[in-house]
Amino acid sequence: MRALISVFDKDGIVEFAKELINKNWEIISTGGTFKKLKEAGIDVISVDSVTGFPEILDGRVKTLNPKIHGGILARRDIKEHMETLKDEGIIPIDMVVNNLYPFEEKLLEDSNHETMIENIDIGGPSMIRAAAKNYKDVFIVTDPRDYKGVLNNLDGDNLEYREYLAKKAFSYTAHYDSLISNYFLKRMPEEFPKYINKSYELSEKLRYGENPHQKAAFYEDSYYPDKINYNVLHGKQISYNNLNDMYSALNAVINFEKPAAVAIKHTNPCGIGTGETLEEAFTKAYECDDESIFGGIIALNREVDDNTANLLSKIFLEIIVAPKFSKEAFEILSRKKNIRLIEIPEFKRLYKNGKKFKQVLNGIIVQSSDDIVWNEENISFVSNRKPTEKELEELKFAFTCCKSTFSNSVVISKNGGTLALGQGETKRSWAVEESIERAGEKAKGAVLASDGFFFRDTIELLSKAGIEVIAQPGGSVKDSEVIDYANEHNICLVFTNVRHFRH
C-alpha cells in the first residue's frame, strides 16, 4: 500500500507517518514534507523519483503528473484501469494526506496581492479532489484530527469512513475556493456577480434554536477581512435568539452619532434614546416601554460608565453590547451571573458590511445595505408650516428610528427619545393607532415619522392626537390630499423622499 503525504500543516504528521510505516505502508512525499519526514528517520520516497520529472517553477509543479493522478484515480474494480497502470509503470496510490497553502492565514494577515497569489494552492486541491472522487479505493486525509481515526480504519469494511473523509475533503476545497473567489471579488467589486460563493465555518453548537425543540448552531463567515471581532466579557453562552436580537440592536444603534441606547425585544425595538450622555440616552429608551425591556437586549454606542451601569443593573437584561465597559461598569454589571456583557470595539464597521441576504423559495434574494438614513438634500417641505430647527432635528431622530423598525411602522418621539413605536402592522393606520395609544397624553406636541407614505386617514388620526409635526417619504398618488389636510390644520409635513421598509 502506498500513501502520498504533502502537507502545509505538519502537526502530527511524523507520528502518523511512522504508524503507517509500522503497518507496512510505503510513503512518497514532496518538498518540505519530504524533508521533515526524512529528518525524522522515516524511509520516504520523493515524488520526482516516482514521476521521473523534477519539481519546477519554484515548486509550482510537483504532483501534476499522470504517474501521480493515474495512481490516485484508477479504479481497482475496473480491469482496464489496472492494466493501464501496469502498462505505464504506475503504482497505485492508496492514500493521499494533504492540506493546503495557508491562503486563509494570509487573509488574516492582510498580506499583499503577490503573497496572496503565491498562496493559492493548485496541486493540492487537484490531488484532494482526485482522491475524494475515488474514495472507494483511496483514503483522502485533509484534517490532522483524523489521523487516529484513519489508523483505526485501515483494515476491514471501512467504506462508510472513507466516504466521511471524502465529504470533509470536498467541503474543505469548496471552502478554500470560496475564500479565493471572495478575495478577488473584493479586489474587483461587482454589484451582482453571476455566482455568489459563501463559506461558513461551525463556530459553536447552540443550546437550541428559536424554540427549545429546534436544534441550532452558529456558523461564522469565513471571509475574515469582513469579520467584526467581539469579546464576551461575562455571562453564559449566547443563544440563537440572542444572536439574532443582538444583530438587530447593533444595526439600530449604529445610525446615531450622539450617545444612543437601543432596547430590543424579539428583534423589535421597544425603546430608542439619544442624549448628551449615555445615561440620559438609556433613560429615554427605558421610559418608552419599561415593561417590554424586561429580558431584552441593550445596544449602546459609547463606553458604558458607572452611572449607566447602575441604571442597567436595576432590570433583568439578557445582553448588553457596547464598544467598551469601564472597569467600574464591568464590576457593577458582572455581579449578575447570567447577563452577557459583549464588547465590540468597532461595530461602526457594520455600515460597510456589504450585501444583505434573505432566504426565499428556491434560493436567496440579495440587496445592498440600507445605508441612507436621512438625506437633507432630498428633504421636501411640502406644507405651508415649516419645521423649526429643533423640530427638524426631532424628525430626523424619529425617521432614523423608523429605519430599524419592522414595516408597516411609525415612531412617535420627543426630545430625542421614542415615546411609542407602532410596527409590524399590515395597515399603516393600525400602526398609528397603536403608537398613539401607547404614547397617551405625551403624544401632544410630539413628532411622528413613518417608514412609508400614508393617506388622509392617517394624518387625521395624528391631528386628533395633537401631533402636528410629521415626516413621511411621500410618493403616493394621494399625496396632494394629505398635503391639503396638513395646510387646513396648520400641520408641518415633511417628505423625506426616502423610505425604510423592513420586512
Protein backbone atom coordinates (compact mmCIF):
# COMPACT_ATOMS: atom_id res chain seq x y z
CA MET A 1 0.00 0.00 0.00
CA ARG A 2 1.25 3.47 -0.86
CA ALA A 3 0.48 6.86 0.71
CA LEU A 4 1.29 10.26 -0.74
CA ILE A 5 1.90 12.81 2.02
CA SER A 6 2.19 16.51 1.19
CA VAL A 7 1.02 18.86 3.93
CA PHE A 8 1.50 22.50 4.84
CA ASP A 9 0.22 21.92 8.39
CA LYS A 10 2.74 19.38 9.64
CA ASP A 11 1.25 18.97 13.11
CA GLY A 12 1.34 15.26 13.98
CA ILE A 13 2.50 14.19 10.54
CA VAL A 14 5.72 12.50 11.69
CA GLU A 15 3.90 10.33 14.21
CA PHE A 16 1.22 9.47 11.65
CA ALA A 17 3.79 8.53 9.02
CA LYS A 18 5.66 6.30 11.47
CA GLU A 19 2.43 4.43 12.25
CA LEU A 20 1.85 3.89 8.53
CA ILE A 21 5.38 2.53 8.14
CA ASN A 22 4.75 0.17 11.05
CA LYS A 23 1.69 -1.10 9.16
CA ASN A 24 3.83 -1.76 6.06
CA TRP A 25 2.74 1.27 4.05
CA GLU A 26 5.12 2.89 1.59
CA ILE A 27 5.32 6.70 1.69
CA ILE A 28 6.04 9.18 -1.06
CA SER A 29 6.30 12.87 -0.39
CA THR A 30 7.19 16.34 -1.67
CA GLY A 31 9.22 19.40 -0.72
CA GLY A 32 9.10 20.45 2.91
CA THR A 33 7.11 17.41 3.98
CA PHE A 34 9.70 15.07 2.41
CA LYS A 35 12.47 16.91 4.26
CA LYS A 36 10.67 16.76 7.62
CA LEU A 37 9.91 13.04 7.31
CA LYS A 38 13.45 12.28 6.17
CA GLU A 39 14.93 14.21 9.10
CA ALA A 40 12.73 12.16 11.42
CA GLY A 41 14.36 8.98 10.10
CA ILE A 42 11.38 7.86 8.07
CA ASP A 43 12.03 5.91 4.87
CA VAL A 44 10.29 8.16 2.31
CA ILE A 45 10.35 8.28 -1.50
CA SER A 46 10.48 11.64 -3.28
CA VAL A 47 7.73 12.45 -5.76
CA ASP A 48 10.20 13.33 -8.52
CA SER A 49 11.69 9.83 -8.32
CA VAL A 50 8.16 8.49 -8.89
CA THR A 51 7.31 10.82 -11.76
CA GLY A 52 10.76 10.88 -13.31
CA PHE A 53 10.35 14.64 -13.54
CA PRO A 54 11.80 17.26 -11.19
CA GLU A 55 9.83 19.88 -9.29
CA ILE A 56 9.79 23.00 -11.46
CA LEU A 57 8.74 26.65 -11.38
CA ASP A 58 9.76 27.16 -7.74
CA GLY A 59 7.65 24.21 -6.66
CA ARG A 60 4.51 25.31 -8.53
CA VAL A 61 4.54 21.99 -10.40
CA LYS A 62 5.28 18.87 -8.36
CA THR A 63 2.39 16.43 -8.35
CA LEU A 64 0.58 17.39 -11.57
CA ASN A 65 1.67 14.26 -13.34
CA PRO A 66 -0.05 11.12 -14.75
CA LYS A 67 2.05 8.88 -12.52
CA ILE A 68 0.55 10.64 -9.52
CA HIS A 69 -3.02 11.24 -10.67
CA GLY A 70 -3.20 7.95 -12.52
CA GLY A 71 -2.21 6.18 -9.31
CA ILE A 72 -4.91 8.04 -7.41
CA LEU A 73 -7.78 7.90 -9.90
CA ALA A 74 -7.51 4.35 -11.19
CA ARG A 75 -10.48 2.23 -10.12
CA ARG A 76 -9.30 -1.06 -8.70
CA ASP A 77 -12.51 -2.83 -9.78
CA ILE A 78 -12.03 -1.96 -13.47
CA LYS A 79 -9.67 -4.37 -15.18
CA GLU A 80 -8.73 -1.94 -17.96
CA HIS A 81 -7.69 0.72 -15.40
CA MET A 82 -5.35 -1.65 -13.64
CA GLU A 83 -3.91 -2.91 -16.92
CA THR A 84 -3.21 0.69 -17.93
CA LEU A 85 -1.32 1.29 -14.68
CA LYS A 86 0.73 -1.82 -15.30
CA ASP A 87 1.49 -0.87 -18.91
CA GLU A 88 2.56 2.66 -17.89
CA GLY A 89 4.56 1.57 -14.87
CA ILE A 90 2.26 3.42 -12.44
CA ILE A 91 1.97 2.18 -8.85
CA PRO A 92 -1.47 2.75 -7.27
CA ILE A 93 -1.67 5.38 -4.54
CA ASP A 94 -3.99 4.21 -1.77
CA MET A 95 -3.94 7.26 0.47
CA VAL A 96 -3.48 10.98 -0.03
CA VAL A 97 -2.64 13.09 3.01
CA ASN A 98 -2.84 16.74 2.09
CA ASN A 99 -3.69 20.17 3.43
CA LEU A 100 -3.31 23.38 1.53
CA TYR A 101 -1.21 26.51 1.34
CA PRO A 102 -2.32 28.98 4.06
CA PHE A 103 -4.40 31.31 1.90
CA GLU A 104 -6.78 31.84 4.83
CA GLU A 105 -3.95 32.77 7.21
CA LYS A 106 -2.57 35.27 4.72
CA LEU A 107 -6.01 36.88 4.50
CA LEU A 108 -5.95 37.31 8.27
CA GLU A 109 -2.53 38.93 8.00
CA ASP A 110 -3.81 41.31 5.29
CA SER A 111 -0.95 40.23 3.04
CA ASN A 112 -0.14 41.97 -0.23
CA HIS A 113 -1.55 40.73 -3.52
CA GLU A 114 1.63 38.94 -4.66
CA THR A 115 1.73 36.98 -1.40
CA MET A 116 -1.94 36.04 -1.77
CA ILE A 117 -1.37 34.76 -5.30
CA GLU A 118 1.59 32.63 -4.25
CA ASN A 119 -0.54 31.06 -1.52
CA ILE A 120 -3.17 29.76 -3.92
CA ASP A 121 -2.61 26.02 -3.93
CA ILE A 122 -3.03 24.24 -7.28
CA GLY A 123 -1.63 20.75 -6.98
CA GLY A 124 -3.12 20.17 -3.54
CA PRO A 125 -6.79 20.71 -4.45
CA SER A 126 -6.28 18.59 -7.57
CA MET A 127 -4.96 15.68 -5.54
CA ILE A 128 -7.61 16.06 -2.87
CA ARG A 129 -10.45 16.09 -5.37
CA ALA A 130 -8.99 13.14 -7.26
CA ALA A 131 -8.66 11.05 -4.11
CA ALA A 132 -12.10 12.09 -2.83
CA LYS A 133 -13.67 11.17 -6.16
CA ASN A 134 -12.09 7.73 -5.90
CA TYR A 135 -12.78 7.35 -2.16
CA LYS A 136 -13.85 3.72 -2.55
CA ASP A 137 -10.22 2.87 -3.23
CA VAL A 138 -8.29 5.80 -1.75
CA PHE A 139 -8.21 7.34 1.72
CA ILE A 140 -8.23 11.12 1.49
CA VAL A 141 -6.98 12.78 4.69
CA THR A 142 -7.18 16.57 4.93
CA ASP A 143 -7.55 17.12 8.69
CA PRO A 144 -4.78 16.19 11.17
CA ARG A 145 -7.51 15.48 13.72
CA ASP A 146 -8.46 12.45 11.61
CA TYR A 147 -5.06 10.72 11.77
CA LYS A 148 -6.06 8.47 14.66
CA GLY A 149 -9.37 7.55 13.03
CA VAL A 150 -7.63 6.71 9.76
CA LEU A 151 -5.19 4.39 11.50
CA ASN A 152 -8.11 2.63 13.20
CA ASN A 153 -9.89 2.14 9.87
CA LEU A 154 -7.10 0.85 7.65
CA ASP A 155 -8.36 -2.70 7.82
CA GLY A 156 -11.79 -4.25 7.35
CA ASP A 157 -15.01 -2.79 5.99
CA ASN A 158 -14.35 0.96 6.04
CA LEU A 159 -16.28 2.29 3.03
CA GLU A 160 -18.53 4.47 5.18
CA TYR A 161 -15.48 6.01 6.89
CA ARG A 162 -13.81 6.64 3.54
CA GLU A 163 -16.92 8.44 2.33
CA TYR A 164 -16.87 10.52 5.51
CA LEU A 165 -13.30 11.58 4.67
CA ALA A 166 -14.34 12.38 1.09
CA LYS A 167 -17.21 14.55 2.33
CA LYS A 168 -14.78 16.50 4.51
CA ALA A 169 -12.35 16.82 1.62
CA PHE A 170 -14.87 18.30 -0.83
CA SER A 171 -16.12 20.70 1.86
CA TYR A 172 -12.53 21.72 2.53
CA THR A 173 -11.70 22.51 -1.11
CA ALA A 174 -15.05 24.29 -1.60
CA HIS A 175 -14.29 26.46 1.44
CA TYR A 176 -10.80 27.17 0.11
CA ASP A 177 -12.08 28.14 -3.34
CA SER A 178 -14.76 30.34 -1.76
CA LEU A 179 -12.10 32.34 0.08
CA ILE A 180 -10.19 32.87 -3.14
CA SER A 181 -13.33 33.83 -5.06
CA ASN A 182 -14.34 36.39 -2.43
CA TYR A 183 -10.82 37.77 -2.27
CA PHE A 184 -10.91 38.58 -5.99
CA LEU A 185 -14.48 39.91 -5.78
CA LYS A 186 -13.33 42.30 -3.06
CA ARG A 187 -10.47 43.49 -5.26
CA MET A 188 -12.71 43.89 -8.28
CA PRO A 189 -16.21 44.55 -6.90
CA GLU A 190 -19.22 43.59 -8.99
CA GLU A 191 -22.71 44.65 -7.98
CA PHE A 192 -24.35 41.30 -8.69
CA PRO A 193 -21.81 38.69 -9.85
CA LYS A 194 -23.00 35.59 -11.68
CA TYR A 195 -22.03 33.38 -8.73
CA ILE A 196 -22.00 34.12 -5.02
CA ASN A 197 -19.79 31.68 -3.16
CA LYS A 198 -20.01 31.97 0.60
CA SER A 199 -18.38 29.71 3.14
CA TYR A 200 -19.33 29.48 6.79
CA GLU A 201 -17.46 27.54 9.45
CA LEU A 202 -19.06 25.96 12.50
CA SER A 203 -18.29 28.19 15.48
CA GLU A 204 -20.39 26.52 18.15
CA LYS A 205 -23.46 24.40 18.70
CA LEU A 206 -26.17 26.34 20.48
CA ARG A 207 -28.41 25.07 23.25
CA TYR A 208 -31.45 25.26 20.95
CA GLY A 209 -32.99 27.39 18.22
CA GLU A 210 -35.87 29.86 18.33
CA ASN A 211 -37.77 27.26 20.37
CA PRO A 212 -36.48 24.51 22.68
CA HIS A 213 -37.49 21.71 20.29
CA GLN A 214 -35.30 23.15 17.50
CA LYS A 215 -31.60 22.32 17.20
CA ALA A 216 -29.26 25.18 16.25
CA ALA A 217 -25.66 26.16 15.64
CA PHE A 218 -23.71 29.32 14.92
CA TYR A 219 -21.66 29.35 11.70
CA GLU A 220 -19.16 32.16 11.28
CA ASP A 221 -18.48 33.81 7.94
CA SER A 222 -15.13 32.51 6.76
CA TYR A 223 -14.12 35.60 4.84
CA TYR A 224 -12.03 37.18 7.58
CA PRO A 225 -11.37 40.66 6.12
CA ASP A 226 -15.03 41.48 6.84
CA LYS A 227 -15.05 39.95 10.30
CA ILE A 228 -16.04 42.17 13.22
CA ASN A 229 -14.44 40.85 16.37
CA TYR A 230 -16.27 40.85 19.67
CA ASN A 231 -15.44 39.73 23.18
CA VAL A 232 -17.88 38.03 25.53
CA LEU A 233 -16.64 39.53 28.80
CA HIS A 234 -19.17 37.89 31.08
CA GLY A 235 -22.15 35.55 31.14
CA LYS A 236 -23.39 32.23 29.87
CA GLN A 237 -23.43 31.02 26.26
CA ILE A 238 -25.15 33.28 23.76
CA SER A 239 -28.29 31.70 22.36
CA TYR A 240 -29.81 31.60 18.86
CA ASN A 241 -32.34 34.31 19.75
CA ASN A 242 -29.65 36.37 21.48
CA LEU A 243 -27.50 36.42 18.34
CA ASN A 244 -30.47 37.43 16.22
CA ASP A 245 -31.57 40.17 18.62
CA MET A 246 -28.03 41.44 19.08
CA TYR A 247 -27.64 41.94 15.34
CA SER A 248 -30.87 43.93 15.20
CA ALA A 249 -29.74 46.08 18.12
CA LEU A 250 -26.39 46.83 16.55
CA ASN A 251 -27.94 47.71 13.20
CA ALA A 252 -30.16 50.19 15.02
CA VAL A 253 -27.64 51.88 17.31
CA ILE A 254 -25.02 52.49 14.59
CA ASN A 255 -27.35 55.01 12.95
CA PHE A 256 -26.84 57.60 15.70
CA GLU A 257 -23.94 59.97 16.17
CA LYS A 258 -24.93 61.24 19.64
CA PRO A 259 -24.77 58.92 22.65
CA ALA A 260 -27.54 56.40 21.98
CA ALA A 261 -29.25 53.41 23.54
CA VAL A 262 -31.45 50.86 21.78
CA ALA A 263 -33.57 48.29 23.59
CA ILE A 264 -34.58 45.24 21.54
CA LYS A 265 -37.15 42.54 22.25
CA HIS A 266 -37.69 39.73 19.71
CA THR A 267 -35.71 41.76 17.11
CA ASN A 268 -38.12 44.72 17.54
CA PRO A 269 -37.01 48.00 19.11
CA CYS A 270 -39.04 48.70 22.25
CA GLY A 271 -37.21 51.91 23.07
CA ILE A 272 -34.59 54.18 21.49
CA GLY A 273 -32.99 57.20 23.10
CA THR A 274 -30.26 59.73 22.47
CA GLY A 275 -28.80 62.37 24.75
CA GLU A 276 -25.76 64.29 25.82
CA THR A 277 -24.72 61.31 27.95
CA LEU A 278 -25.23 57.58 27.70
CA GLU A 279 -27.13 57.65 30.98
CA GLU A 280 -29.62 60.14 29.51
CA ALA A 281 -29.95 58.10 26.31
CA PHE A 282 -30.69 54.87 28.18
CA THR A 283 -33.21 56.59 30.46
CA LYS A 284 -35.19 57.73 27.42
CA ALA A 285 -35.08 54.26 25.85
CA TYR A 286 -36.24 52.69 29.12
CA GLU A 287 -39.08 55.15 29.67
CA CYS A 288 -40.53 54.41 26.22
CA ASP A 289 -41.57 50.92 27.36
CA ASP A 290 -40.44 49.92 30.84
CA GLU A 291 -42.21 46.54 30.59
CA SER A 292 -41.10 45.12 27.24
CA ILE A 293 -37.47 45.94 28.01
CA PHE A 294 -37.54 43.18 30.67
CA GLY A 295 -35.37 40.34 29.39
CA GLY A 296 -34.30 42.43 26.39
CA ILE A 297 -31.09 43.28 24.58
CA ILE A 298 -29.43 46.69 25.02
CA ALA A 299 -27.01 48.18 22.49
CA LEU A 300 -25.04 51.30 23.36
CA ASN A 301 -22.72 53.32 21.14
CA ARG A 302 -20.39 54.68 23.83
CA GLU A 303 -18.28 53.21 26.61
CA VAL A 304 -20.52 52.15 29.48
CA ASP A 305 -19.78 54.24 32.58
CA ASP A 306 -20.70 53.52 36.18
CA ASN A 307 -23.77 55.79 36.18
CA THR A 308 -25.26 54.00 33.17
CA ALA A 309 -24.26 50.62 34.60
CA ASN A 310 -26.15 51.36 37.81
CA LEU A 311 -29.33 52.01 35.79
CA LEU A 312 -28.83 48.90 33.66
CA SER A 313 -28.27 46.73 36.72
CA LYS A 314 -31.71 47.54 38.12
CA ILE A 315 -33.57 45.50 35.48
CA PHE A 316 -33.25 41.99 34.08
CA LEU A 317 -31.46 42.05 30.73
CA GLU A 318 -30.17 39.23 28.53
CA ILE A 319 -27.35 41.11 26.81
CA ILE A 320 -25.62 44.48 26.95
CA VAL A 321 -23.41 45.22 23.96
CA ALA A 322 -21.18 48.27 23.74
CA PRO A 323 -17.83 49.41 22.32
CA LYS A 324 -16.33 49.23 25.81
CA PHE A 325 -17.12 48.86 29.52
CA SER A 326 -15.29 50.91 32.12
CA LYS A 327 -13.73 48.96 34.96
CA GLU A 328 -16.36 50.29 37.38
CA ALA A 329 -19.22 49.50 34.99
CA PHE A 330 -17.99 45.94 34.49
CA GLU A 331 -17.74 45.38 38.24
CA ILE A 332 -21.32 46.59 38.71
CA LEU A 333 -22.85 44.58 35.88
CA SER A 334 -20.85 41.37 36.31
CA ARG A 335 -22.45 40.86 39.71
CA LYS A 336 -25.39 39.49 37.73
CA LYS A 337 -24.46 35.89 36.99
CA ASN A 338 -26.31 35.28 33.72
CA ILE A 339 -26.14 38.63 31.93
CA ARG A 340 -23.96 38.63 28.83
CA LEU A 341 -21.61 41.61 28.52
CA ILE A 342 -20.31 41.91 24.97
CA GLU A 343 -17.64 44.33 23.86
CA ILE A 344 -17.46 45.26 20.16
CA PRO A 345 -14.83 47.99 19.74
CA GLU A 346 -15.54 48.61 16.05
CA PHE A 347 -19.19 47.84 15.41
CA LYS A 348 -19.47 51.01 13.31
CA ARG A 349 -17.98 48.85 10.54
CA LEU A 350 -21.39 47.20 10.23
CA TYR A 351 -22.14 50.06 7.85
CA LYS A 352 -19.62 48.54 5.46
CA ASN A 353 -20.88 45.01 5.82
CA GLY A 354 -21.77 44.73 2.15
CA LYS A 355 -24.81 42.99 0.76
CA LYS A 356 -27.78 41.66 2.70
CA PHE A 357 -29.14 38.16 2.11
CA LYS A 358 -32.53 36.66 2.83
CA GLN A 359 -33.72 33.12 2.22
CA VAL A 360 -36.72 32.68 -0.07
CA LEU A 361 -38.25 29.82 -2.06
CA ASN A 362 -35.52 28.05 -4.10
CA GLY A 363 -32.76 30.48 -3.16
CA ILE A 364 -31.85 33.82 -1.69
CA ILE A 365 -32.55 37.44 -2.52
CA VAL A 366 -29.70 39.91 -2.28
CA GLN A 367 -29.64 43.66 -1.84
CA SER A 368 -27.20 46.38 -0.85
CA SER A 369 -27.29 47.69 2.70
CA ASP A 370 -29.81 50.39 3.60
CA ASP A 371 -27.11 52.96 4.33
CA ILE A 372 -29.17 56.11 3.70
CA VAL A 373 -30.64 57.39 6.92
CA TRP A 374 -31.73 60.99 6.41
CA ASN A 375 -30.60 62.80 3.28
CA GLU A 376 -31.08 66.51 3.90
CA GLU A 377 -30.58 67.30 0.21
CA ASN A 378 -33.70 65.27 -0.62
CA ILE A 379 -35.99 66.71 2.06
CA SER A 380 -39.13 68.44 0.76
CA PHE A 381 -41.02 70.93 2.95
CA VAL A 382 -44.41 70.34 1.39
CA SER A 383 -46.75 72.10 3.85
CA ASN A 384 -47.22 75.81 4.46
CA ARG A 385 -46.00 75.40 8.01
CA LYS A 386 -42.25 74.76 8.05
CA PRO A 387 -40.41 72.97 10.86
CA THR A 388 -38.22 74.84 13.30
CA GLU A 389 -34.61 73.75 13.56
CA LYS A 390 -35.44 71.82 16.72
CA GLU A 391 -38.46 70.14 15.10
CA LEU A 392 -36.41 69.15 12.08
CA GLU A 393 -33.78 67.59 14.34
CA GLU A 394 -36.52 65.64 16.14
CA LEU A 395 -37.97 64.44 12.82
CA LYS A 396 -34.53 63.24 11.81
CA PHE A 397 -34.27 61.24 15.04
CA ALA A 398 -37.73 59.70 14.62
CA PHE A 399 -37.17 58.81 10.98
CA THR A 400 -33.79 57.27 11.85
CA CYS A 401 -35.61 55.10 14.40
CA CYS A 402 -38.02 54.01 11.63
CA LYS A 403 -35.06 52.51 9.76
CA SER A 404 -34.76 49.88 12.50
CA THR A 405 -38.44 49.01 12.92
CA PHE A 406 -40.46 46.41 11.05
CA SER A 407 -42.94 47.66 8.44
CA ASN A 408 -45.53 49.00 8.49
CA SER A 409 -44.13 51.23 11.19
CA VAL A 410 -44.30 54.68 12.73
CA VAL A 411 -42.33 56.29 15.54
CA ILE A 412 -43.54 58.99 17.93
CA SER A 413 -40.72 60.84 19.64
CA LYS A 414 -39.93 63.89 21.75
CA ASN A 415 -36.60 65.33 22.92
CA GLY A 416 -34.50 62.63 21.29
CA GLY A 417 -36.35 59.68 22.78
CA THR A 418 -39.08 57.42 21.47
CA LEU A 419 -42.45 57.71 23.18
CA ALA A 420 -44.04 54.88 21.23
CA LEU A 421 -43.29 52.58 18.32
CA GLY A 422 -46.03 51.09 16.17
CA GLN A 423 -44.63 48.37 13.95
CA GLY A 424 -45.24 45.17 12.08
CA GLU A 425 -48.82 46.04 11.15
CA THR A 426 -50.46 45.14 7.83
CA LYS A 427 -52.20 48.52 7.76
CA ARG A 428 -50.32 51.74 8.48
CA SER A 429 -53.22 53.42 10.27
CA TRP A 430 -53.22 50.50 12.72
CA ALA A 431 -49.56 51.18 13.49
CA VAL A 432 -50.50 54.83 14.08
CA GLU A 433 -53.39 53.91 16.37
CA GLU A 434 -51.14 51.56 18.31
CA SER A 435 -48.41 54.16 18.80
CA ILE A 436 -50.87 56.91 19.78
CA GLU A 437 -52.43 54.62 22.38
CA ARG A 438 -49.02 53.78 23.82
CA ALA A 439 -47.85 57.38 23.91
CA GLY A 440 -51.05 58.57 25.58
CA GLU A 441 -51.12 62.23 26.61
CA LYS A 442 -47.41 62.54 25.84
CA ALA A 443 -48.26 62.39 22.12
CA LYS A 444 -49.41 66.02 22.19
CA GLY A 445 -46.61 68.18 20.91
CA ALA A 446 -44.51 65.19 19.82
CA VAL A 447 -43.41 64.40 16.27
CA LEU A 448 -44.12 61.33 14.18
CA ALA A 449 -42.15 59.68 11.40
CA SER A 450 -43.37 56.91 9.11
CA ASP A 451 -41.29 54.37 7.20
CA GLY A 452 -43.62 54.64 4.18
CA PHE A 453 -46.17 57.06 2.75
CA PHE A 454 -49.66 57.30 4.20
CA PHE A 455 -53.12 58.58 3.31
CA ARG A 456 -55.60 61.08 4.71
CA ASP A 457 -56.97 58.67 7.34
CA THR A 458 -53.55 58.53 8.98
CA ILE A 459 -52.94 62.27 9.17
CA GLU A 460 -56.45 62.72 10.60
CA LEU A 461 -55.59 60.32 13.44
CA LEU A 462 -52.40 62.24 14.12
CA SER A 463 -54.14 65.60 14.14
CA LYS A 464 -56.72 64.38 16.67
CA ALA A 465 -53.90 63.13 18.91
CA GLY A 466 -52.20 66.54 18.87
CA ILE A 467 -49.25 65.53 16.68
CA GLU A 468 -48.58 68.40 14.30
CA VAL A 469 -45.04 67.75 13.05
CA ILE A 470 -44.77 64.77 10.73
CA ALA A 471 -42.26 63.15 8.36
CA GLN A 472 -43.07 60.55 5.73
CA PRO A 473 -41.43 59.50 2.45
CA GLY A 474 -44.16 60.75 0.09
CA GLY A 475 -44.64 59.27 -3.33
CA SER A 476 -48.32 58.35 -3.16
CA VAL A 477 -50.99 59.34 -5.70
CA LYS A 478 -52.85 60.62 -2.61
CA ASP A 479 -50.05 62.97 -1.52
CA SER A 480 -52.00 66.08 -2.55
CA GLU A 481 -54.89 65.11 -0.25
CA VAL A 482 -52.52 64.66 2.68
CA ILE A 483 -50.78 67.99 1.98
CA ASP A 484 -54.12 69.79 1.71
CA TYR A 485 -55.23 68.37 5.06
CA ALA A 486 -51.93 69.46 6.63
CA ASN A 487 -52.39 73.01 5.37
CA GLU A 488 -56.01 73.14 6.52
CA HIS A 489 -54.99 72.16 10.07
CA ASN A 490 -51.66 74.01 10.33
CA ILE A 491 -49.66 70.78 10.40
CA CYS A 492 -45.97 70.71 9.48
CA LEU A 493 -45.47 67.96 6.89
CA VAL A 494 -42.06 66.95 5.59
CA PHE A 495 -41.39 64.48 2.78
CA THR A 496 -38.10 62.59 3.18
CA ASN A 497 -38.22 61.12 -0.35
CA VAL A 498 -36.55 58.04 1.16
CA ARG A 499 -38.44 55.08 2.55
CA HIS A 500 -37.22 52.49 5.04
CA PHE A 501 -39.29 49.34 4.55
CA ARG A 502 -38.02 46.45 6.62
CA HIS A 503 -39.84 43.16 6.13
